[in-house]
């Protein structure tokens, strides 16, 4: 059974930075996609960024130019470097992984029930 464990959340002032990490333990098929979703209070979960083992990337328009996703394929760890944070970035950030062969576009738009694995979430709070 695969488990995803996130770390790196916290509180920061607007303009600051945070780096999220998500480590996958257990066996994942060689080709997979990992990414980050977030959910703000009263809002639906939305895709933030995703990357696959071929190096394909995708970002939500709201974070382009500010967030960077990267994957350590050998260690099964995905990172999200978040710079120039804004109050609207506040929410619970969830790591997800999928080994069904979804491409990054489908992964980003997938409902929670579709993707194979989810982390427990980590809170990110950005104050103005």
C-alpha atoms as a PDB file:
ATOM      1  CA  UNK A   1       0.000   0.000   0.000  1.00  0.00           C
ATOM      2  CA  UNK A   2       1.349   3.415  -0.951  1.00  0.00           C
ATOM      3  CA  UNK A   3       1.350   6.188   1.617  1.00  0.00           C
ATOM      4  CA  UNK A   4       1.955   9.866   0.928  1.00  0.00           C
ATOM      5  CA  UNK A   5       3.286  12.054   3.716  1.00  0.00           C
ATOM      6  CA  UNK A   6       3.367  15.825   3.275  1.00  0.00           C
ATOM      7  CA  UNK A   7       5.504  18.298   5.196  1.00  0.00           C
ATOM      8  CA  UNK A   8       6.514  21.934   5.005  1.00  0.00           C
ATOM      9  CA  UNK A   9       3.261  23.766   5.546  1.00  0.00           C
ATOM     10  CA  UNK A  10       2.974  26.688   7.918  1.00  0.00           C
ATOM     11  CA  UNK A  11       2.152  30.347   8.281  1.00  0.00           C
ATOM     12  CA  UNK A  12       3.848  33.108   6.358  1.00  0.00           C
ATOM     13  CA  UNK A  13       3.240  36.720   5.475  1.00  0.00           C
ATOM     14  CA  UNK A  14       2.296  37.755   1.965  1.00  0.00           C
ATOM     15  CA  UNK A  15       5.326  37.798  -0.288  1.00  0.00           C
ATOM     16  CA  UNK A  16       7.011  35.023   1.632  1.00  0.00           C
ATOM     17  CA  UNK A  17       7.963  31.517   0.594  1.00  0.00           C
ATOM     18  CA  UNK A  18       7.308  27.954   1.665  1.00  0.00           C
ATOM     19  CA  UNK A  19       8.475  24.606   0.337  1.00  0.00           C
ATOM     20  CA  UNK A  20       6.197  21.603   0.550  1.00  0.00           C
ATOM     21  CA  UNK A  21       7.466  18.040   0.318  1.00  0.00           C
ATOM     22  CA  UNK A  22       5.587  14.822  -0.254  1.00  0.00           C
ATOM     23  CA  UNK A  23       7.276  11.473   0.221  1.00  0.00           C
ATOM     24  CA  UNK A  24       5.716   8.325  -1.188  1.00  0.00           C
ATOM     25  CA  UNK A  25       6.402   5.081   0.615  1.00  0.00           C
ATOM     26  CA  UNK A  26       5.544   1.669  -0.740  1.00  0.00           C
ATOM     27  CA  UNK A  27       5.604   0.473  -4.304  1.00  0.00           C
ATOM     28  CA  UNK A  28       4.537   2.770  -7.131  1.00  0.00           C
ATOM     29  CA  UNK A  29       4.626   1.667 -10.725  1.00  0.00           C
ATOM     30  CA  UNK A  30       7.566   3.084 -12.629  1.00  0.00           C
ATOM     31  CA  UNK A  31       5.544   5.561 -14.626  1.00  0.00           C
ATOM     32  CA  UNK A  32       3.417   7.780 -12.483  1.00  0.00           C
ATOM     33  CA  UNK A  33       2.184  11.275 -11.936  1.00  0.00           C
ATOM     34  CA  UNK A  34       2.361  13.265  -8.708  1.00  0.00           C
ATOM     35  CA  UNK A  35       1.031  16.653  -7.868  1.00  0.00           C
ATOM     36  CA  UNK A  36      -0.520  19.102  -5.464  1.00  0.00           C
ATOM     37  CA  UNK A  37      -4.074  20.161  -4.873  1.00  0.00           C
ATOM     38  CA  UNK A  38      -5.429  22.702  -2.431  1.00  0.00           C
ATOM     39  CA  UNK A  39      -8.710  23.435  -0.755  1.00  0.00           C
ATOM     40  CA  UNK A  40      -9.652  26.752   0.781  1.00  0.00           C
ATOM     41  CA  UNK A  41     -12.482  27.009   3.320  1.00  0.00           C
ATOM     42  CA  UNK A  42     -15.831  26.825   1.572  1.00  0.00           C
ATOM     43  CA  UNK A  43     -14.284  26.063  -1.808  1.00  0.00           C
ATOM     44  CA  UNK A  44     -13.766  22.959  -3.883  1.00  0.00           C
ATOM     45  CA  UNK A  45     -10.427  21.239  -4.098  1.00  0.00           C
ATOM     46  CA  UNK A  46      -8.408  22.529  -7.059  1.00  0.00           C
ATOM     47  CA  UNK A  47      -5.296  21.367  -8.846  1.00  0.00           C
ATOM     48  CA  UNK A  48      -2.197  23.462  -8.240  1.00  0.00           C
ATOM     49  CA  UNK A  49       0.624  21.697 -10.098  1.00  0.00           C
ATOM     50  CA  UNK A  50       1.508  18.263 -11.403  1.00  0.00           C
ATOM     51  CA  UNK A  51       4.507  16.447 -12.824  1.00  0.00           C
ATOM     52  CA  UNK A  52       5.052  13.013 -14.286  1.00  0.00           C
ATOM     53  CA  UNK A  53       8.055  10.737 -14.575  1.00  0.00           C
ATOM     54  CA  UNK A  54       8.623  11.922 -18.165  1.00  0.00           C
ATOM     55  CA  UNK A  55       9.137  15.446 -16.863  1.00  0.00           C
ATOM     56  CA  UNK A  56       5.860  16.894 -18.141  1.00  0.00           C
ATOM     57  CA  UNK A  57       4.644  19.788 -15.987  1.00  0.00           C
ATOM     58  CA  UNK A  58       1.458  21.737 -15.540  1.00  0.00           C
ATOM     59  CA  UNK A  59       0.475  24.628 -13.290  1.00  0.00           C
ATOM     60  CA  UNK A  60      -2.763  26.320 -12.433  1.00  0.00           C
ATOM     61  CA  UNK A  61      -2.900  29.785 -13.977  1.00  0.00           C
ATOM     62  CA  UNK A  62      -3.134  31.354 -10.521  1.00  0.00           C
ATOM     63  CA  UNK A  63       0.307  30.044  -9.508  1.00  0.00           C
ATOM     64  CA  UNK A  64       2.285  30.236 -12.744  1.00  0.00           C
ATOM     65  CA  UNK A  65       5.542  32.103 -12.296  1.00  0.00           C
ATOM     66  CA  UNK A  66       5.358  31.803  -8.503  1.00  0.00           C
ATOM     67  CA  UNK A  67       5.281  28.061  -7.780  1.00  0.00           C
ATOM     68  CA  UNK A  68       7.681  25.383  -8.989  1.00  0.00           C
ATOM     69  CA  UNK A  69       7.032  21.661  -8.846  1.00  0.00           C
ATOM     70  CA  UNK A  70       9.849  19.144  -8.995  1.00  0.00           C
ATOM     71  CA  UNK A  71      10.190  15.404  -8.643  1.00  0.00           C
ATOM     72  CA  UNK A  72      12.972  13.308  -7.206  1.00  0.00           C
ATOM     73  CA  UNK A  73      12.121  10.177  -9.098  1.00  0.00           C
ATOM     74  CA  UNK A  74      14.686   8.021  -7.317  1.00  0.00           C
ATOM     75  CA  UNK A  75      13.295   8.887  -3.885  1.00  0.00           C
ATOM     76  CA  UNK A  76       9.630   9.225  -4.894  1.00  0.00           C
ATOM     77  CA  UNK A  77       9.462  12.726  -3.423  1.00  0.00           C
ATOM     78  CA  UNK A  78       7.641  15.617  -5.013  1.00  0.00           C
ATOM     79  CA  UNK A  79       8.317  19.201  -3.971  1.00  0.00           C
ATOM     80  CA  UNK A  80       6.369  22.416  -4.355  1.00  0.00           C
ATOM     81  CA  UNK A  81       8.381  25.599  -3.995  1.00  0.00           C
ATOM     82  CA  UNK A  82       5.977  28.446  -3.367  1.00  0.00           C
ATOM     83  CA  UNK A  83       7.266  31.987  -3.730  1.00  0.00           C
ATOM     84  CA  UNK A  84       5.542  35.377  -3.633  1.00  0.00           C
ATOM     85  CA  UNK A  85       2.730  33.878  -1.629  1.00  0.00           C
ATOM     86  CA  UNK A  86      -0.607  35.651  -1.525  1.00  0.00           C
ATOM     87  CA  UNK A  87      -3.451  35.439   1.005  1.00  0.00           C
ATOM     88  CA  UNK A  88      -5.528  33.661  -1.636  1.00  0.00           C
ATOM     89  CA  UNK A  89      -3.004  30.816  -1.583  1.00  0.00           C
ATOM     90  CA  UNK A  90      -4.237  29.922   1.895  1.00  0.00           C
ATOM     91  CA  UNK A  91      -5.688  26.449   2.241  1.00  0.00           C
ATOM     92  CA  UNK A  92      -4.975  22.827   2.927  1.00  0.00           C
ATOM     93  CA  UNK A  93      -2.522  21.459   0.403  1.00  0.00           C
ATOM     94  CA  UNK A  94      -2.829  17.812  -0.540  1.00  0.00           C
ATOM     95  CA  UNK A  95      -0.323  15.654  -2.321  1.00  0.00           C
ATOM     96  CA  UNK A  96      -1.648  13.072  -4.763  1.00  0.00           C
ATOM     97  CA  UNK A  97      -0.142  10.333  -6.854  1.00  0.00           C
ATOM     98  CA  UNK A  98      -1.462   8.179  -9.620  1.00  0.00           C
ATOM     99  CA  UNK A  99      -0.097   5.169 -11.474  1.00  0.00           C
ATOM    100  CA  UNK A 100      -2.873   4.702 -14.028  1.00  0.00           C
ATOM    101  CA  UNK A 101      -0.925   6.439 -16.763  1.00  0.00           C
ATOM    102  CA  UNK A 102      -2.897   9.691 -16.637  1.00  0.00           C
ATOM    103  CA  UNK A 103      -1.265  12.633 -18.296  1.00  0.00           C
ATOM    104  CA  UNK A 104      -0.696  15.769 -16.252  1.00  0.00           C
ATOM    105  CA  UNK A 105      -3.681  17.631 -17.732  1.00  0.00           C
ATOM    106  CA  UNK A 106      -6.114  14.858 -16.824  1.00  0.00           C
ATOM    107  CA  UNK A 107      -4.440  14.482 -13.422  1.00  0.00           C
ATOM    108  CA  UNK A 108      -4.956  18.164 -12.601  1.00  0.00           C
ATOM    109  CA  UNK A 109      -8.630  18.058 -13.467  1.00  0.00           C
ATOM    110  CA  UNK A 110      -9.385  14.694 -11.885  1.00  0.00           C
ATOM    111  CA  UNK A 111     -11.833  14.362  -9.052  1.00  0.00           C
ATOM    112  CA  UNK A 112     -10.442  13.028  -5.762  1.00  0.00           C
ATOM    113  CA  UNK A 113     -12.065   9.632  -6.341  1.00  0.00           C
ATOM    114  CA  UNK A 114     -10.173   9.081  -9.573  1.00  0.00           C
ATOM    115  CA  UNK A 115      -6.609   9.370  -8.308  1.00  0.00           C
ATOM    116  CA  UNK A 116      -4.963   6.421  -6.612  1.00  0.00           C
ATOM    117  CA  UNK A 117      -3.318   7.957  -3.565  1.00  0.00           C
ATOM    118  CA  UNK A 118      -3.720  11.024  -1.356  1.00  0.00           C
ATOM    119  CA  UNK A 119      -1.808  12.505   1.514  1.00  0.00           C
ATOM    120  CA  UNK A 120      -3.419  13.767   4.696  1.00  0.00           C
ATOM    121  CA  UNK A 121      -2.926  17.433   3.820  1.00  0.00           C
ATOM    122  CA  UNK A 122      -0.834  20.247   5.222  1.00  0.00           C
ATOM    123  CA  UNK A 123      -2.087  23.719   6.136  1.00  0.00           C
ATOM    124  CA  UNK A 124      -0.684  26.793   4.408  1.00  0.00           C
ATOM    125  CA  UNK A 125      -1.739  30.151   5.793  1.00  0.00           C
ATOM    126  CA  UNK A 126      -0.704  33.406   4.160  1.00  0.00           C
ATOM    127  CA  UNK A 127      -1.485  36.595   6.047  1.00  0.00           C
ATOM    128  CA  UNK A 128      -1.703  40.039   4.508  1.00  0.00           C
END
